[in-house]
Amino acid sequence: MNNSNPPEGTSTEEPPRGLKGRLLVSDVV
């Protein structure tokens, strides 16, 4: 279900980093 995985932090295990973190969280939800 990963339509677009960011180059930095392909895993959601990493801590949220600003917008990238928010995007990851949004993807998870």
PDB file of N, CA and C in Angstrom:
ATOM      1  N   MET A   1       0.838  -1.210   0.000  1.00  0.00           N
ATOM      2  CA  MET A   1       0.000   0.000   0.000  1.00  0.00           C
ATOM      3  C   MET A   1       0.872   1.259   0.000  1.00  0.00           C
ATOM      4  N   ASN A   2       2.131   1.086  -0.404  1.00  0.00           N
ATOM      5  CA  ASN A   2       3.031   2.258  -0.430  1.00  0.00           C
ATOM      6  C   ASN A   2       3.059   2.849  -1.831  1.00  0.00           C
ATOM      7  N   ASN A   3       2.157   3.769  -2.092  1.00  0.00           N
ATOM      8  CA  ASN A   3       2.110   4.375  -3.435  1.00  0.00           C
ATOM      9  C   ASN A   3       3.384   5.142  -3.712  1.00  0.00           C
ATOM     10  N   SER A   4       3.813   5.952  -2.732  1.00  0.00           N
ATOM     11  CA  SER A   4       5.036   6.749  -2.939  1.00  0.00           C
ATOM     12  C   SER A   4       5.862   6.728  -1.669  1.00  0.00           C
ATOM     13  N   ASN A   5       6.957   5.980  -1.693  1.00  0.00           N
ATOM     14  CA  ASN A   5       7.809   5.903  -0.497  1.00  0.00           C
ATOM     15  C   ASN A   5       8.963   6.892  -0.640  1.00  0.00           C
ATOM     16  N   PRO A   6       9.156   7.751   0.369  1.00  0.00           N
ATOM     17  CA  PRO A   6      10.197   8.782   0.334  1.00  0.00           C
ATOM     18  C   PRO A   6      11.595   8.156   0.320  1.00  0.00           C
ATOM     19  N   PRO A   7      12.572   8.830  -0.288  1.00  0.00           N
ATOM     20  CA  PRO A   7      13.951   8.324  -0.370  1.00  0.00           C
ATOM     21  C   PRO A   7      14.582   8.257   1.009  1.00  0.00           C
ATOM     22  N   GLU A   8      14.208   9.209   1.883  1.00  0.00           N
ATOM     23  CA  GLU A   8      14.792   9.205   3.238  1.00  0.00           C
ATOM     24  C   GLU A   8      13.765   8.695   4.232  1.00  0.00           C
ATOM     25  N   GLY A   9      13.962   7.492   4.751  1.00  0.00           N
ATOM     26  CA  GLY A   9      12.997   6.961   5.721  1.00  0.00           C
ATOM     27  C   GLY A   9      11.957   6.111   5.023  1.00  0.00           C
ATOM     28  N   THR A  10      12.416   5.069   4.326  1.00  0.00           N
ATOM     29  CA  THR A  10      11.462   4.210   3.619  1.00  0.00           C
ATOM     30  C   THR A  10      10.661   3.395   4.632  1.00  0.00           C
ATOM     31  N   SER A  11      11.178   3.299   5.859  1.00  0.00           N
ATOM     32  CA  SER A  11      10.460   2.532   6.893  1.00  0.00           C
ATOM     33  C   SER A  11       9.770   3.484   7.863  1.00  0.00           C
ATOM     34  N   THR A  12       8.607   3.094   8.329  1.00  0.00           N
ATOM     35  CA  THR A  12       7.865   3.959   9.261  1.00  0.00           C
ATOM     36  C   THR A  12       8.474   3.848  10.659  1.00  0.00           C
ATOM     37  N   GLU A  13       9.464   2.971  10.828  1.00  0.00           N
ATOM     38  CA  GLU A  13      10.094   2.821  12.148  1.00  0.00           C
ATOM     39  C   GLU A  13      10.833   4.094  12.529  1.00  0.00           C
ATOM     40  N   GLU A  14      11.394   4.757  11.536  1.00  0.00           N
ATOM     41  CA  GLU A  14      12.144   5.992  11.836  1.00  0.00           C
ATOM     42  C   GLU A  14      11.206   7.042  12.434  1.00  0.00           C
ATOM     43  N   PRO A  15      11.749   7.912  13.253  1.00  0.00           N
ATOM     44  CA  PRO A  15      10.936   8.961  13.892  1.00  0.00           C
ATOM     45  C   PRO A  15      10.475   9.989  12.868  1.00  0.00           C
ATOM     46  N   PRO A  16       9.346  10.631  13.121  1.00  0.00           N
ATOM     47  CA  PRO A  16       8.811  11.630  12.193  1.00  0.00           C
ATOM     48  C   PRO A  16       9.738  12.832  12.074  1.00  0.00           C
ATOM     49  N   ARG A  17       9.997  13.272  10.833  1.00  0.00           N
ATOM     50  CA  ARG A  17      10.895  14.434  10.652  1.00  0.00           C
ATOM     51  C   ARG A  17      10.153  15.505   9.862  1.00  0.00           C
ATOM     52  N   GLY A  18       9.436  16.351  10.556  1.00  0.00           N
ATOM     53  CA  GLY A  18       8.743  17.446   9.853  1.00  0.00           C
ATOM     54  C   GLY A  18       7.694  16.909   8.890  1.00  0.00           C
ATOM     55  N   LEU A  19       7.648  17.485   7.696  1.00  0.00           N
ATOM     56  CA  LEU A  19       6.619  17.097   6.711  1.00  0.00           C
ATOM     57  C   LEU A  19       6.766  15.622   6.350  1.00  0.00           C
ATOM     58  N   LYS A  20       7.996  15.170   6.189  1.00  0.00           N
ATOM     59  CA  LYS A  20       8.192  13.755   5.801  1.00  0.00           C
ATOM     60  C   LYS A  20       7.542  12.859   6.842  1.00  0.00           C
ATOM     61  N   GLY A  21       7.760  13.174   8.094  1.00  0.00           N
ATOM     62  CA  GLY A  21       7.159  12.365   9.172  1.00  0.00           C
ATOM     63  C   GLY A  21       5.648  12.400   9.054  1.00  0.00           C
ATOM     64  N   ARG A  22       5.110  13.586   8.814  1.00  0.00           N
ATOM     65  CA  ARG A  22       3.638  13.714   8.711  1.00  0.00           C
ATOM     66  C   ARG A  22       3.144  12.857   7.542  1.00  0.00           C
ATOM     67  N   LEU A  23       3.862  12.889   6.434  1.00  0.00           N
ATOM     68  CA  LEU A  23       3.433  12.117   5.263  1.00  0.00           C
ATOM     69  C   LEU A  23       3.417  10.629   5.615  1.00  0.00           C
ATOM     70  N   LEU A  24       4.464  10.187   6.301  1.00  0.00           N
ATOM     71  CA  LEU A  24       4.535   8.774   6.673  1.00  0.00           C
ATOM     72  C   LEU A  24       3.348   8.426   7.561  1.00  0.00           C
ATOM     73  N   VAL A  25       3.085   9.265   8.538  1.00  0.00           N
ATOM     74  CA  VAL A  25       1.965   9.015   9.461  1.00  0.00           C
ATOM     75  C   VAL A  25       0.666   8.972   8.667  1.00  0.00           C
ATOM     76  N   SER A  26       0.511   9.901   7.747  1.00  0.00           N
ATOM     77  CA  SER A  26      -0.729   9.939   6.937  1.00  0.00           C
ATOM     78  C   SER A  26      -0.849   8.633   6.150  1.00  0.00           C
ATOM     79  N   ASP A  27       0.261   8.156   5.603  1.00  0.00           N
ATOM     80  CA  ASP A  27       0.220   6.925   4.820  1.00  0.00           C
ATOM     81  C   ASP A  27      -0.199   5.756   5.705  1.00  0.00           C
ATOM     82  N   VAL A  28       0.347   5.735   6.907  1.00  0.00           N
ATOM     83  CA  VAL A  28       0.037   4.629   7.825  1.00  0.00           C
ATOM     84  C   VAL A  28      -1.441   4.647   8.181  1.00  0.00           C
ATOM     85  N   VAL A  29      -1.977   5.814   8.421  1.00  0.00           N
ATOM     86  CA  VAL A  29      -3.388   5.897   8.842  1.00  0.00           C
ATOM     87  C   VAL A  29      -4.295   5.407   7.717  1.00  0.00           C
TER      88      VAL A  29
END
